[in-house]
């Protein structure tokens, strides 16, 4: 949680790196829990991972 707050406050390349670390950590936790999840939980986990990846790309490639 602290990495997400720091990424939002800092911005720039440092914020992008912090956000990438936070998203990678969440993706790792989702990967560990995958075998124990129901179908609905798996869909939510995939949506969370895609949303995190989209957020990183938006921060990396602003308009």
C-alpha atoms as a PDB file:
ATOM      1  CA  UNK A   1       0.000   0.000   0.000  1.00  0.00           C
ATOM      2  CA  UNK A   2       2.817   2.367   0.831  1.00  0.00           C
ATOM      3  CA  UNK A   3       4.369   1.829  -2.615  1.00  0.00           C
ATOM      4  CA  UNK A   4       1.115   2.828  -4.296  1.00  0.00           C
ATOM      5  CA  UNK A   5       0.860   5.991  -2.213  1.00  0.00           C
ATOM      6  CA  UNK A   6       4.486   6.885  -2.914  1.00  0.00           C
ATOM      7  CA  UNK A   7       4.008   6.252  -6.634  1.00  0.00           C
ATOM      8  CA  UNK A   8       1.022   8.602  -6.663  1.00  0.00           C
ATOM      9  CA  UNK A   9       2.830  11.323  -4.709  1.00  0.00           C
ATOM     10  CA  UNK A  10       6.256  11.159  -6.358  1.00  0.00           C
ATOM     11  CA  UNK A  11       5.330  10.771 -10.015  1.00  0.00           C
ATOM     12  CA  UNK A  12       7.852  10.742 -12.837  1.00  0.00           C
ATOM     13  CA  UNK A  13      10.252   7.851 -13.429  1.00  0.00           C
ATOM     14  CA  UNK A  14      10.576   7.077  -9.721  1.00  0.00           C
ATOM     15  CA  UNK A  15       6.806   6.825  -9.355  1.00  0.00           C
ATOM     16  CA  UNK A  16       6.647   4.553 -12.382  1.00  0.00           C
ATOM     17  CA  UNK A  17       9.241   2.207 -10.894  1.00  0.00           C
ATOM     18  CA  UNK A  18       7.435   2.138  -7.526  1.00  0.00           C
ATOM     19  CA  UNK A  19       4.134   1.407  -9.251  1.00  0.00           C
ATOM     20  CA  UNK A  20       5.722  -1.391 -11.283  1.00  0.00           C
ATOM     21  CA  UNK A  21       7.110  -2.971  -8.110  1.00  0.00           C
ATOM     22  CA  UNK A  22       3.711  -2.760  -6.413  1.00  0.00           C
ATOM     23  CA  UNK A  23       1.876  -4.291  -9.396  1.00  0.00           C
ATOM     24  CA  UNK A  24       4.465  -7.068  -9.680  1.00  0.00           C
ATOM     25  CA  UNK A  25       4.027  -7.883  -5.983  1.00  0.00           C
ATOM     26  CA  UNK A  26       0.240  -8.043  -6.330  1.00  0.00           C
ATOM     27  CA  UNK A  27       0.573 -10.235  -9.445  1.00  0.00           C
ATOM     28  CA  UNK A  28       2.879 -12.575  -7.522  1.00  0.00           C
ATOM     29  CA  UNK A  29       0.316 -12.892  -4.710  1.00  0.00           C
ATOM     30  CA  UNK A  30      -2.409 -13.605  -7.269  1.00  0.00           C
ATOM     31  CA  UNK A  31      -0.205 -16.276  -8.835  1.00  0.00           C
ATOM     32  CA  UNK A  32       0.362 -17.968  -5.473  1.00  0.00           C
ATOM     33  CA  UNK A  33      -3.371 -18.092  -4.706  1.00  0.00           C
ATOM     34  CA  UNK A  34      -4.404 -19.240  -8.204  1.00  0.00           C
ATOM     35  CA  UNK A  35      -4.766 -23.009  -7.503  1.00  0.00           C
ATOM     36  CA  UNK A  36      -7.064 -22.385  -4.549  1.00  0.00           C
ATOM     37  CA  UNK A  37      -9.384 -19.895  -6.229  1.00  0.00           C
ATOM     38  CA  UNK A  38     -12.835 -20.528  -7.654  1.00  0.00           C
ATOM     39  CA  UNK A  39     -13.686 -19.588 -11.233  1.00  0.00           C
ATOM     40  CA  UNK A  40     -15.182 -16.244 -10.213  1.00  0.00           C
ATOM     41  CA  UNK A  41     -12.149 -15.430  -8.082  1.00  0.00           C
ATOM     42  CA  UNK A  42      -9.850 -16.300 -10.993  1.00  0.00           C
ATOM     43  CA  UNK A  43     -11.736 -13.875 -13.265  1.00  0.00           C
ATOM     44  CA  UNK A  44     -11.389 -11.119 -10.683  1.00  0.00           C
ATOM     45  CA  UNK A  45      -7.680 -11.875 -10.341  1.00  0.00           C
ATOM     46  CA  UNK A  46      -7.161 -11.657 -14.108  1.00  0.00           C
ATOM     47  CA  UNK A  47      -9.059  -8.354 -14.199  1.00  0.00           C
ATOM     48  CA  UNK A  48      -6.911  -7.019 -11.346  1.00  0.00           C
ATOM     49  CA  UNK A  49      -3.685  -7.999 -13.104  1.00  0.00           C
ATOM     50  CA  UNK A  50      -4.837  -6.412 -16.384  1.00  0.00           C
ATOM     51  CA  UNK A  51      -5.902  -3.234 -14.616  1.00  0.00           C
ATOM     52  CA  UNK A  52      -2.536  -3.011 -12.879  1.00  0.00           C
ATOM     53  CA  UNK A  53      -0.675  -3.518 -16.156  1.00  0.00           C
ATOM     54  CA  UNK A  54      -2.815  -0.848 -17.837  1.00  0.00           C
ATOM     55  CA  UNK A  55      -2.113   1.558 -14.989  1.00  0.00           C
ATOM     56  CA  UNK A  56       1.632   1.027 -15.354  1.00  0.00           C
ATOM     57  CA  UNK A  57       1.434   1.592 -19.126  1.00  0.00           C
ATOM     58  CA  UNK A  58      -0.576   4.782 -18.694  1.00  0.00           C
ATOM     59  CA  UNK A  59       2.003   6.112 -16.243  1.00  0.00           C
ATOM     60  CA  UNK A  60       4.852   5.057 -18.536  1.00  0.00           C
ATOM     61  CA  UNK A  61       3.406   6.495 -21.742  1.00  0.00           C
ATOM     62  CA  UNK A  62       1.499   9.710 -20.907  1.00  0.00           C
ATOM     63  CA  UNK A  63      -0.121  11.746 -23.673  1.00  0.00           C
END
